[in-house]
Every structure is written in structure tokens, then in C-alpha cells.
Amino acid sequence: MLLLVFLSCFAVVYAGGGNFGDSCSISDNRLQIGTYQFYSDCNSVTYCAPNNTCAHRGCRKDDFPFGYPQDSDSIPPKCRRGQFCPDEMDVCQEVLSVGSACQMNRDDQCEGPPNFKELEDTTIRGLNVNGSICLNNVCMWANVTEGEGCVVQNTAYIGYTASGEFIDIVSRGNCRVGLYCDAQSLKCFQEKALDEICDADKECSTWNCLASGVCGTDLAFDHRVSSWVYAVVVIGILGGMFGTLVGLFFLHRKQRERERARRLQYWREQNTFHQNLSQMREAARASIMSLPANNSDESHMPMVQSTGHGSSGLRHHFEDDNNMEDYDDSIVNMQQLVEVRQSRDDGRY
């Protein structure tokens, strides 16, 4: 039955190309072989009316019918409780009583029994609808108990895989939920438990008969994990987040330390440079002040140009560490003063 759900979701929708008002033939309405999808000469939003023309559909079976744009105003309504929309989707009809003719696998077209709450299938297997079932195109109630005679319907569906086509036979019966209708004896038997011998999926309570001939686990079972698994996952997530934050902290701290070391080295170099420059200035000033006041050759000494109003040429203000031109001028002036001092000591002046 899970295969039926799969095929209903992914099977190609067979529909003709007739638009509204185009001609059609009711005799062409049919179920496609293998998929049992309803086909007509009209497109997916129209049906073939009795006058053999395509007309707008008057009802729908699905919440999201195929062929209509999203939020379309032309989507037909769903039928109210106690009615059904046939495969043609022409107009809502009243549910059918037991023994009435119904369309293939349209359990919803049959009227439910008075005790439908006890007989209805609440799983996703689609065993019946409200305790009623359509078998061999006849409405029945799924109320046959264990050991009693039952009706079975075997339908061969065509499945598709990457390697090609395969046949899957789906067997349905009118037994109560928890029982299955044996195709050989036509009697209802209790479903088999896990690892018991089986011949078909319907015989297993898990609805999964393995190729080895035993009942396997339910493929549609809601697998639940223990609470400790959630705890481990939460701890792992929190640990990963905390570890990432700690790793980033240490990484950026190393970068900050390297940057701080570079800035400290730069400051020390600049401080040393300023100290050496101040020492040279003081040495040059002391050398000039030690010259004799009445030296006749004083007029022959090179003059040091002043760089500002009322200030000595030796007094430079270094406002920018990157202004290397001022540093170069100061060094040149100091070199000139040193040469003057050496010349005086050698007796050149």
C-alpha cells in the first residue's frame, strides 16, 4: 500500500489536450494500464461533459489539485461530508450504499458503517476509509472477523526503477484492521509478527515481507531514539560552539600580541632616535659655546641658517615621526657644526 502512495505522488498525470469548449468523447474515459490513472480527452482542469465538450471541473478530490496555478480563483471546491468527487471531477455526489458500484480503489465513495470508528484504518496504509472499502468495484464494509469468509482484490501495478520496470501486486480485502484476507482460502487471518514466515506484505503487521520470506521492520515506522542521544547531540553542539569561540579568542590574542610587539619595537626605535638626536644637538651647542669670544677668524665660520623667527637653527621641532626631511636637515646642520669644531681644533681658522 505504501507503493500506492508513492505511485500516486510521482506517477505521470495522464490527461488529454482538450481545452474548455473543445470536443471530446466520453467513451475515451479510462484508467491507464499499470498506473490506473484516470484519463480523458480533456486537459487537467476540465472534464468531458455529456454533450461531448470539455467543461470546467465542478469539484476536486485533493487539497492541491494538479494543473491549477497557485492561489487560482478557478479552483473547484471540495465536497462536503457525506459526498464525494468522482474521478471525472464533474460534480459532487452522495456517498454510495453497500453493494453499489464504485470506481476502482475509491473507498471514499462508499457509505461508512454505523460503527465506523471501530473499523476505520487510522494508519497511512489506506486499508479502508471510515470502515468502508471498494473491492472489485463494489462497496463493502471492512468488518469480516478472523476465520470468516472474505473478498480479496489483487491488482498488478507497474513500478519503475533505474534498471527498468517491475510488477508489484497489491492485495486488499474486507477484513478488520489487524487481519488479512488469504487469497487461497479466502478467509481472514491474524497478521503475523516480526520475523515470522510470510508470502506477502499484507500478512505482516509491519506490512513488510522481506525477500527472505520473513516479516521485516515497518518501513513507515516512526523511529525514535533514546533521550541520551539527544543529550549527546546537544552537548556536542554546545561543545563545538564553545570550542570555536575559545579557539577564535586565542587566535586573535596571538595576533594582538604580535601587533603590540611591533608597535613597542617601533616606539623604542623612535625613542632611541630622538635621544641620539638630542645628544647630538647638545654636543653641538656645547662645542659652539666653548669657542673664544674674540676669535678674529670667527667671521670665516659657516653660518647656520635659522629655520624659524627668533630661534636657532639647531632648534627643530619634530612633530611628525614620519617627516624624514626634517631629520635629514638637522643631521646635516649638526655635521657642519662638528666639522667646524674639528677645524678649530686643527688650527684651520
Protein backbone atom coordinates (compact mmCIF):
# COMPACT_ATOMS: atom_id res chain seq x y z
CA MET A 1 0.00 0.00 0.00
CA LEU A 2 2.97 2.29 0.54
CA LEU A 3 3.78 1.75 -3.10
CA LEU A 4 0.32 3.02 -3.97
CA VAL A 5 1.02 6.21 -2.09
CA PHE A 6 4.36 6.52 -3.84
CA LEU A 7 2.87 6.00 -7.28
CA SER A 8 0.04 8.42 -6.59
CA CYS A 9 2.59 11.12 -5.74
CA PHE A 10 5.03 10.59 -8.59
CA ALA A 11 3.09 8.99 -11.41
CA VAL A 12 2.62 10.95 -14.59
CA VAL A 13 -0.75 12.65 -14.75
CA TYR A 14 -2.48 11.37 -17.86
CA ALA A 15 -4.76 13.92 -19.45
CA GLY A 16 -5.70 14.90 -22.94
CA GLY A 17 -5.05 18.23 -24.57
CA GLY A 18 -8.62 19.43 -24.93
CA ASN A 19 -9.28 22.90 -23.55
CA PHE A 20 -12.56 24.35 -22.40
CA GLY A 21 -15.14 24.11 -25.17
CA ASP A 22 -13.17 21.62 -27.27
CA SER A 23 -14.82 18.41 -28.42
CA CYS A 24 -14.20 15.15 -26.55
CA SER A 25 -15.60 11.62 -26.26
CA ILE A 26 -16.85 10.10 -23.01
CA SER A 27 -16.06 6.66 -24.39
CA ASP A 28 -12.35 7.57 -24.18
CA ASN A 29 -12.52 7.89 -20.39
CA ARG A 30 -10.48 5.05 -18.88
CA LEU A 31 -7.86 4.00 -16.35
CA GLN A 32 -4.36 3.69 -17.72
CA ILE A 33 -2.82 0.21 -17.59
CA GLY A 34 -0.20 -0.23 -14.88
CA THR A 35 -0.84 3.02 -13.01
CA TYR A 36 -4.68 3.10 -13.14
CA GLN A 37 -4.58 6.84 -13.53
CA PHE A 38 -7.84 8.30 -14.86
CA TYR A 39 -7.61 9.58 -18.45
CA SER A 40 -9.93 11.71 -20.60
CA ASP A 41 -9.64 13.74 -23.80
CA CYS A 42 -9.78 16.99 -21.80
CA ASN A 43 -6.89 18.68 -20.00
CA SER A 44 -6.20 18.61 -16.28
CA VAL A 45 -8.62 21.44 -15.41
CA THR A 46 -11.65 20.29 -17.47
CA TYR A 47 -13.74 17.13 -17.90
CA CYS A 48 -15.66 15.61 -20.77
CA ALA A 49 -19.32 16.60 -20.30
CA PRO A 50 -22.30 14.52 -21.59
CA ASN A 51 -22.53 16.84 -24.64
CA ASN A 52 -19.01 15.67 -25.66
CA THR A 53 -17.35 19.01 -24.98
CA CYS A 54 -14.74 19.90 -22.34
CA ALA A 55 -16.23 21.79 -19.40
CA HIS A 56 -14.77 23.28 -16.25
CA ARG A 57 -14.48 20.85 -13.36
CA GLY A 58 -17.07 21.20 -10.63
CA CYS A 59 -15.24 19.57 -7.70
CA ARG A 60 -11.87 18.30 -6.58
CA LYS A 61 -10.52 15.40 -4.51
CA ASP A 62 -7.19 16.87 -3.42
CA ASP A 63 -6.30 19.91 -1.39
CA PHE A 64 -3.86 20.97 -4.11
CA PRO A 65 -5.23 19.75 -7.47
CA PHE A 66 -2.88 19.35 -10.41
CA GLY A 67 -2.96 21.88 -13.24
CA TYR A 68 -4.19 24.96 -11.39
CA PRO A 69 -1.93 27.95 -10.72
CA GLN A 70 -1.18 28.80 -7.14
CA ASP A 71 -3.90 30.92 -5.47
CA SER A 72 -6.08 30.50 -8.55
CA ASP A 73 -9.69 31.69 -8.27
CA SER A 74 -10.90 28.94 -10.61
CA ILE A 75 -10.03 26.00 -8.31
CA PRO A 76 -13.25 24.00 -7.77
CA PRO A 77 -14.43 23.34 -4.19
CA LYS A 78 -14.10 20.10 -2.24
CA CYS A 79 -17.21 18.13 -1.47
CA ARG A 80 -18.83 18.35 1.95
CA ARG A 81 -19.08 15.44 4.37
CA GLY A 82 -21.38 12.70 3.03
CA GLN A 83 -20.42 13.43 -0.59
CA PHE A 84 -17.56 12.51 -2.88
CA CYS A 85 -15.96 13.83 -6.06
CA PRO A 86 -15.69 11.13 -8.78
CA ASP A 87 -12.66 10.56 -10.97
CA GLU A 88 -14.18 12.80 -13.66
CA MET A 89 -14.41 15.65 -11.13
CA ASP A 90 -17.60 16.91 -12.70
CA VAL A 91 -19.91 17.35 -9.67
CA CYS A 92 -20.17 16.21 -6.06
CA GLN A 93 -22.31 13.11 -5.46
CA GLU A 94 -23.81 11.48 -2.40
CA VAL A 95 -21.90 8.53 -0.92
CA LEU A 96 -22.97 5.09 -2.10
CA SER A 97 -24.59 2.37 -0.01
CA VAL A 98 -23.17 -1.13 0.47
CA GLY A 99 -23.36 -3.17 -2.75
CA SER A 100 -23.34 -0.15 -5.03
CA ALA A 101 -20.88 0.17 -7.91
CA CYS A 102 -17.85 2.32 -7.13
CA GLN A 103 -14.78 3.39 -9.03
CA MET A 104 -11.53 1.48 -8.52
CA ASN A 105 -9.94 1.95 -5.09
CA ARG A 106 -12.30 4.80 -4.29
CA ASP A 107 -13.18 3.74 -0.76
CA ASP A 108 -14.32 7.28 -0.03
CA GLN A 109 -17.25 6.80 -2.41
CA CYS A 110 -18.83 4.20 -0.10
CA GLU A 111 -21.00 4.94 2.90
CA GLY A 112 -19.39 4.04 6.20
CA PRO A 113 -20.93 1.56 8.69
CA PRO A 114 -22.56 2.71 11.93
CA ASN A 115 -19.50 1.56 13.94
CA PHE A 116 -17.05 3.13 11.53
CA LYS A 117 -14.87 4.37 14.42
CA GLU A 118 -14.10 0.76 15.32
CA LEU A 119 -13.43 -0.33 11.74
CA GLU A 120 -11.66 2.65 10.20
CA ASP A 121 -7.97 2.48 9.38
CA THR A 122 -6.05 5.21 11.20
CA THR A 123 -2.67 4.33 9.67
CA ILE A 124 -1.16 5.60 6.43
CA ARG A 125 -1.66 2.24 4.65
CA GLY A 126 -5.08 3.11 3.23
CA LEU A 127 -6.75 -0.17 4.19
CA ASN A 128 -10.19 1.49 4.21
CA VAL A 129 -11.97 4.82 4.57
CA ASN A 130 -14.30 5.17 7.55
CA GLY A 131 -14.61 1.38 7.71
CA SER A 132 -15.79 1.02 4.10
CA ILE A 133 -13.85 -0.33 1.13
CA CYS A 134 -14.32 -0.60 -2.64
CA LEU A 135 -13.33 -4.08 -3.82
CA ASN A 136 -13.80 -5.23 -7.39
CA ASN A 137 -15.79 -2.01 -7.97
CA VAL A 138 -18.35 -2.86 -5.27
CA CYS A 139 -18.84 -1.01 -1.97
CA MET A 140 -18.29 -3.18 1.14
CA TRP A 141 -17.64 -2.80 4.83
CA ALA A 142 -14.30 -3.90 6.23
CA ASN A 143 -15.88 -5.81 9.12
CA VAL A 144 -15.06 -9.50 8.49
CA THR A 145 -13.60 -11.15 11.59
CA GLU A 146 -10.96 -13.89 11.93
CA GLY A 147 -11.86 -17.20 10.31
CA GLU A 148 -14.78 -15.85 8.31
CA GLY A 149 -15.02 -15.68 4.52
CA CYS A 150 -13.70 -12.53 2.88
CA VAL A 151 -13.36 -10.88 -0.53
CA VAL A 152 -9.93 -10.17 -1.98
CA GLN A 153 -8.78 -7.94 -4.84
CA ASN A 154 -5.31 -8.36 -6.36
CA THR A 155 -4.10 -5.50 -8.54
CA ALA A 156 -0.85 -5.55 -10.51
CA TYR A 157 0.89 -2.16 -10.63
CA ILE A 158 3.86 -1.26 -12.79
CA GLY A 159 6.73 0.26 -10.84
CA TYR A 160 9.78 1.99 -12.26
CA THR A 161 13.39 1.91 -11.11
CA ALA A 162 16.71 2.89 -12.65
CA SER A 163 17.09 -0.64 -14.02
CA GLY A 164 13.63 -0.73 -15.61
CA GLU A 165 10.05 -1.76 -14.86
CA PHE A 166 8.80 -4.24 -12.28
CA ILE A 167 5.40 -5.62 -11.28
CA ASP A 168 4.06 -5.07 -7.77
CA ILE A 169 0.86 -6.88 -6.79
CA VAL A 170 -1.24 -5.16 -4.15
CA SER A 171 -3.79 -7.35 -2.39
CA ARG A 172 -6.73 -5.87 -0.49
CA GLY A 173 -9.55 -7.44 1.46
CA ASN A 174 -12.55 -6.58 3.60
CA CYS A 175 -11.18 -7.97 6.86
CA ARG A 176 -10.99 -5.94 10.03
CA VAL A 177 -7.87 -3.90 10.72
CA GLY A 178 -5.25 -6.29 12.13
CA LEU A 179 -6.39 -9.16 9.90
CA TYR A 180 -5.65 -10.07 6.30
CA CYS A 181 -7.63 -11.95 3.66
CA ASP A 182 -5.81 -15.04 2.46
CA ALA A 183 -6.05 -15.26 -1.34
CA GLN A 184 -6.10 -19.11 -1.29
CA SER A 185 -8.64 -19.89 1.39
CA LEU A 186 -10.47 -16.55 1.20
CA LYS A 187 -10.59 -16.32 4.98
CA CYS A 188 -9.36 -13.70 7.41
CA PHE A 189 -6.27 -14.48 9.49
CA GLN A 190 -4.35 -12.62 12.16
CA GLU A 191 -1.43 -10.57 10.90
CA LYS A 192 1.99 -12.04 11.59
CA ALA A 193 4.58 -10.56 13.93
CA LEU A 194 8.17 -9.62 13.20
CA ASP A 195 10.43 -12.41 11.83
CA GLU A 196 7.51 -14.78 11.16
CA ILE A 197 7.25 -16.55 7.78
CA CYS A 198 5.20 -14.69 5.17
CA ASP A 199 4.32 -14.68 1.47
CA ALA A 200 3.04 -11.12 1.02
CA ASP A 201 3.27 -7.75 2.70
CA LYS A 202 -0.37 -7.84 3.81
CA GLU A 203 0.36 -10.86 6.05
CA CYS A 204 2.76 -8.89 8.26
CA SER A 205 1.74 -6.43 10.93
CA THR A 206 4.68 -4.33 9.74
CA TRP A 207 3.38 -4.55 6.15
CA ASN A 208 6.86 -5.55 5.02
CA CYS A 209 7.52 -9.11 3.87
CA LEU A 210 11.21 -9.41 3.06
CA ALA A 211 12.66 -11.30 0.11
CA SER A 212 13.89 -13.91 2.59
CA GLY A 213 10.26 -14.81 3.37
CA VAL A 214 10.01 -13.33 6.87
CA CYS A 215 8.33 -10.21 8.22
CA GLY A 216 10.74 -7.27 8.48
CA THR A 217 10.55 -3.97 10.27
CA ASP A 218 7.95 -1.41 9.32
CA LEU A 219 9.42 0.91 6.70
CA ALA A 220 6.96 3.61 7.71
CA PHE A 221 7.74 3.21 11.40
CA ASP A 222 8.48 6.39 13.25
CA HIS A 223 11.96 5.64 14.53
CA ARG A 224 12.57 7.10 17.98
CA VAL A 225 15.93 7.48 19.66
CA SER A 226 16.78 7.41 23.34
CA SER A 227 16.99 10.55 25.44
CA TRP A 228 20.74 10.16 25.88
CA VAL A 229 21.19 10.55 22.12
CA TYR A 230 19.56 13.98 22.28
CA ALA A 231 21.75 14.84 25.27
CA VAL A 232 24.91 13.83 23.40
CA VAL A 233 23.86 15.85 20.35
CA VAL A 234 23.13 18.94 22.48
CA ILE A 235 26.45 18.59 24.33
CA GLY A 236 28.25 18.16 21.02
CA ILE A 237 26.64 21.29 19.57
CA LEU A 238 27.36 23.38 22.67
CA GLY A 239 30.89 21.99 22.87
CA GLY A 240 31.50 22.83 19.25
CA MET A 241 30.23 26.38 19.71
CA PHE A 242 32.28 26.91 22.89
CA GLY A 243 35.38 25.38 21.32
CA THR A 244 35.04 27.64 18.29
CA LEU A 245 34.74 30.74 20.48
CA VAL A 246 37.76 29.74 22.60
CA GLY A 247 39.82 28.97 19.51
CA LEU A 248 38.98 32.35 17.98
CA PHE A 249 39.84 34.08 21.27
CA PHE A 250 43.33 32.57 21.45
CA LEU A 251 43.90 33.15 17.74
CA HIS A 252 43.05 36.84 17.98
CA ARG A 253 45.04 37.18 21.21
CA LYS A 254 48.18 35.96 19.44
CA GLN A 255 47.53 38.43 16.65
CA ARG A 256 47.09 41.24 19.16
CA GLU A 257 50.35 40.29 20.93
CA ARG A 258 52.27 40.30 17.65
CA GLU A 259 50.81 43.69 16.76
CA ARG A 260 51.62 45.05 20.23
CA ALA A 261 55.21 43.79 19.93
CA ARG A 262 55.64 45.51 16.56
CA ARG A 263 54.28 48.78 17.94
CA LEU A 264 56.55 48.53 21.02
CA GLN A 265 59.59 47.91 18.82
CA TYR A 266 58.66 50.88 16.66
CA TRP A 267 58.26 53.10 19.73
CA ARG A 268 61.63 52.04 21.11
CA GLU A 269 63.36 52.75 17.81
CA GLN A 270 61.79 56.19 17.61
CA ASN A 271 62.66 56.94 21.23
CA THR A 272 66.28 55.89 20.68
CA PHE A 273 66.45 58.01 17.55
CA HIS A 274 65.14 61.07 19.41
CA GLN A 275 67.60 60.53 22.25
CA ASN A 276 70.54 60.28 19.84
CA LEU A 277 69.35 63.38 18.07
CA SER A 278 69.09 65.30 21.35
CA GLN A 279 72.59 64.22 22.34
CA MET A 280 73.99 65.45 19.03
CA ARG A 281 72.23 68.78 19.47
CA GLU A 282 73.60 69.20 22.99
CA ALA A 283 77.12 68.27 21.86
CA ALA A 284 76.96 70.78 19.02
CA ARG A 285 75.68 73.54 21.35
CA ALA A 286 78.43 72.85 23.88
CA SER A 287 81.03 72.94 21.13
CA ILE A 288 79.85 76.34 19.87
CA MET A 289 79.69 77.82 23.35
CA SER A 290 83.30 76.81 24.04
CA LEU A 291 84.68 78.88 21.14
CA PRO A 292 86.71 82.08 22.10
CA ALA A 293 84.61 85.22 22.07
CA ASN A 294 87.27 87.45 20.30
CA ASN A 295 88.34 85.00 17.65
CA SER A 296 89.30 87.04 14.67
CA ASP A 297 88.64 84.20 12.36
CA GLU A 298 85.10 83.90 13.60
CA SER A 299 83.81 85.68 10.52
CA HIS A 300 85.09 82.83 8.45
CA MET A 301 82.90 80.26 10.25
CA PRO A 302 79.94 78.92 8.28
CA MET A 303 76.66 80.43 9.32
CA VAL A 304 73.83 78.18 10.40
CA GLN A 305 70.58 79.36 8.90
CA SER A 306 67.65 79.79 11.21
CA THR A 307 64.55 77.75 10.47
CA GLY A 308 62.18 79.98 12.40
CA HIS A 309 61.66 83.51 13.69
CA GLY A 310 63.85 84.23 16.70
CA SER A 311 65.07 80.67 17.07
CA SER A 312 68.37 78.98 16.48
CA GLY A 313 68.89 76.77 13.51
CA LEU A 314 69.64 73.96 15.92
CA ARG A 315 66.20 74.13 17.49
CA HIS A 316 63.98 72.00 15.34
CA HIS A 317 60.55 70.81 16.39
CA PHE A 318 59.82 67.27 15.27
CA GLU A 319 56.05 66.99 15.20
CA ASP A 320 55.80 64.01 12.91
CA ASP A 321 57.89 60.87 13.25
CA ASN A 322 57.42 60.13 9.59
CA ASN A 323 58.77 63.55 8.43
CA MET A 324 62.22 62.30 7.48
CA GLU A 325 63.16 65.52 5.62
CA ASP A 326 63.37 67.48 8.91
CA TYR A 327 65.52 64.74 10.36
CA ASP A 328 67.90 64.90 7.41
CA ASP A 329 68.26 68.73 7.64
CA SER A 330 69.06 68.51 11.34
CA ILE A 331 71.68 65.86 10.78
CA VAL A 332 73.33 67.96 8.01
CA ASN A 333 73.49 71.04 10.26
CA MET A 334 74.98 69.01 13.07
CA GLN A 335 77.59 67.54 10.76
CA GLN A 336 78.55 71.07 9.70
CA LEU A 337 78.97 72.10 13.35
CA VAL A 338 81.10 69.06 14.05
CA GLU A 339 83.34 69.92 11.07
CA VAL A 340 83.70 73.49 12.38
CA ARG A 341 84.73 72.14 15.77
CA GLN A 342 87.30 69.84 14.26
CA SER A 343 88.69 72.62 12.06
CA ARG A 344 89.11 74.89 15.07
CA ASP A 345 90.93 72.20 16.97
CA ASP A 346 93.26 71.58 14.00
CA GLY A 347 94.08 75.30 13.71
CA ARG A 348 92.50 75.77 10.35
CA TYR A 349 90.80 79.07 11.40
